[in-house]
């Protein structure tokens, strides 16, 4: 498989997972009276065995307003 094809496939799969992660981050944020920041959200996601960086969580939050 060529390098370009490999990274193209990675991009496609990451977009699908971003939507799923976005839903989970939104749900946790809204369930906690919209008071959680990136660090608390990261801790909650870690309890659910989802590993994300604070900065990625911040980007997801920023995209969703």
C-alpha atoms as a PDB file:
ATOM      1  CA  UNK A   1       0.000   0.000   0.000  1.00  0.00           C
ATOM      2  CA  UNK A   2       1.389   3.401  -0.860  1.00  0.00           C
ATOM      3  CA  UNK A   3       2.060   5.964   1.843  1.00  0.00           C
ATOM      4  CA  UNK A   4      -0.524   8.363   0.419  1.00  0.00           C
ATOM      5  CA  UNK A   5      -3.247   5.739   0.478  1.00  0.00           C
ATOM      6  CA  UNK A   6      -2.425   4.782   4.046  1.00  0.00           C
ATOM      7  CA  UNK A   7      -2.710   8.336   5.368  1.00  0.00           C
ATOM      8  CA  UNK A   8      -5.804   9.010   3.265  1.00  0.00           C
ATOM      9  CA  UNK A   9      -7.538   6.034   4.888  1.00  0.00           C
ATOM     10  CA  UNK A  10      -6.493   7.296   8.312  1.00  0.00           C
ATOM     11  CA  UNK A  11      -8.117  10.640   7.589  1.00  0.00           C
ATOM     12  CA  UNK A  12     -11.385   9.015   6.604  1.00  0.00           C
ATOM     13  CA  UNK A  13     -11.581   6.895   9.730  1.00  0.00           C
ATOM     14  CA  UNK A  14     -10.616   9.765  12.034  1.00  0.00           C
ATOM     15  CA  UNK A  15     -13.531  11.879  10.747  1.00  0.00           C
ATOM     16  CA  UNK A  16     -15.968   9.119  11.687  1.00  0.00           C
ATOM     17  CA  UNK A  17     -14.538   8.772  15.168  1.00  0.00           C
ATOM     18  CA  UNK A  18     -14.516  12.554  15.672  1.00  0.00           C
ATOM     19  CA  UNK A  19     -18.285  12.604  15.299  1.00  0.00           C
ATOM     20  CA  UNK A  20     -18.684   9.840  17.868  1.00  0.00           C
ATOM     21  CA  UNK A  21     -16.271  11.501  20.271  1.00  0.00           C
ATOM     22  CA  UNK A  22     -18.032  14.801  19.788  1.00  0.00           C
ATOM     23  CA  UNK A  23     -21.328  13.255  20.859  1.00  0.00           C
ATOM     24  CA  UNK A  24     -19.737  11.754  23.978  1.00  0.00           C
ATOM     25  CA  UNK A  25     -18.018  15.012  24.949  1.00  0.00           C
ATOM     26  CA  UNK A  26     -21.272  16.935  24.441  1.00  0.00           C
ATOM     27  CA  UNK A  27     -23.211  14.463  26.569  1.00  0.00           C
ATOM     28  CA  UNK A  28     -20.753  14.624  29.473  1.00  0.00           C
ATOM     29  CA  UNK A  29     -20.569  18.419  29.234  1.00  0.00           C
ATOM     30  CA  UNK A  30     -24.351  18.844  29.234  1.00  0.00           C
ATOM     31  CA  UNK A  31     -24.940  16.257  31.974  1.00  0.00           C
ATOM     32  CA  UNK A  32     -22.699  18.260  34.287  1.00  0.00           C
ATOM     33  CA  UNK A  33     -24.482  21.613  33.924  1.00  0.00           C
ATOM     34  CA  UNK A  34     -22.033  22.795  31.255  1.00  0.00           C
ATOM     35  CA  UNK A  35     -19.477  23.459  33.987  1.00  0.00           C
ATOM     36  CA  UNK A  36     -16.753  20.958  33.087  1.00  0.00           C
ATOM     37  CA  UNK A  37     -13.576  22.090  31.415  1.00  0.00           C
ATOM     38  CA  UNK A  38     -11.142  20.065  29.390  1.00  0.00           C
ATOM     39  CA  UNK A  39      -9.378  18.533  32.387  1.00  0.00           C
ATOM     40  CA  UNK A  40     -12.547  17.253  34.014  1.00  0.00           C
ATOM     41  CA  UNK A  41     -13.867  16.017  30.694  1.00  0.00           C
ATOM     42  CA  UNK A  42     -10.608  14.175  30.125  1.00  0.00           C
ATOM     43  CA  UNK A  43     -10.928  12.526  33.548  1.00  0.00           C
ATOM     44  CA  UNK A  44     -14.525  11.473  32.842  1.00  0.00           C
ATOM     45  CA  UNK A  45     -13.578  10.048  29.456  1.00  0.00           C
ATOM     46  CA  UNK A  46     -10.627   8.224  30.995  1.00  0.00           C
ATOM     47  CA  UNK A  47     -13.024   6.538  33.454  1.00  0.00           C
ATOM     48  CA  UNK A  48     -14.938   5.287  30.406  1.00  0.00           C
ATOM     49  CA  UNK A  49     -11.679   3.976  28.871  1.00  0.00           C
ATOM     50  CA  UNK A  50     -11.489   6.680  26.207  1.00  0.00           C
ATOM     51  CA  UNK A  51      -8.067   8.270  25.958  1.00  0.00           C
ATOM     52  CA  UNK A  52      -7.958  11.774  24.478  1.00  0.00           C
ATOM     53  CA  UNK A  53      -5.640  14.707  24.975  1.00  0.00           C
ATOM     54  CA  UNK A  54      -6.906  17.878  26.604  1.00  0.00           C
ATOM     55  CA  UNK A  55      -6.147  19.821  23.479  1.00  0.00           C
ATOM     56  CA  UNK A  56      -8.209  17.526  21.285  1.00  0.00           C
ATOM     57  CA  UNK A  57     -11.096  17.798  23.743  1.00  0.00           C
ATOM     58  CA  UNK A  58     -10.685  21.568  23.590  1.00  0.00           C
ATOM     59  CA  UNK A  59     -10.841  21.514  19.807  1.00  0.00           C
ATOM     60  CA  UNK A  60     -14.003  19.405  19.897  1.00  0.00           C
ATOM     61  CA  UNK A  61     -15.551  21.816  22.393  1.00  0.00           C
ATOM     62  CA  UNK A  62     -14.574  24.800  20.288  1.00  0.00           C
ATOM     63  CA  UNK A  63     -16.089  23.268  17.144  1.00  0.00           C
ATOM     64  CA  UNK A  64     -19.364  22.666  18.969  1.00  0.00           C
ATOM     65  CA  UNK A  65     -19.490  26.092  20.561  1.00  0.00           C
END
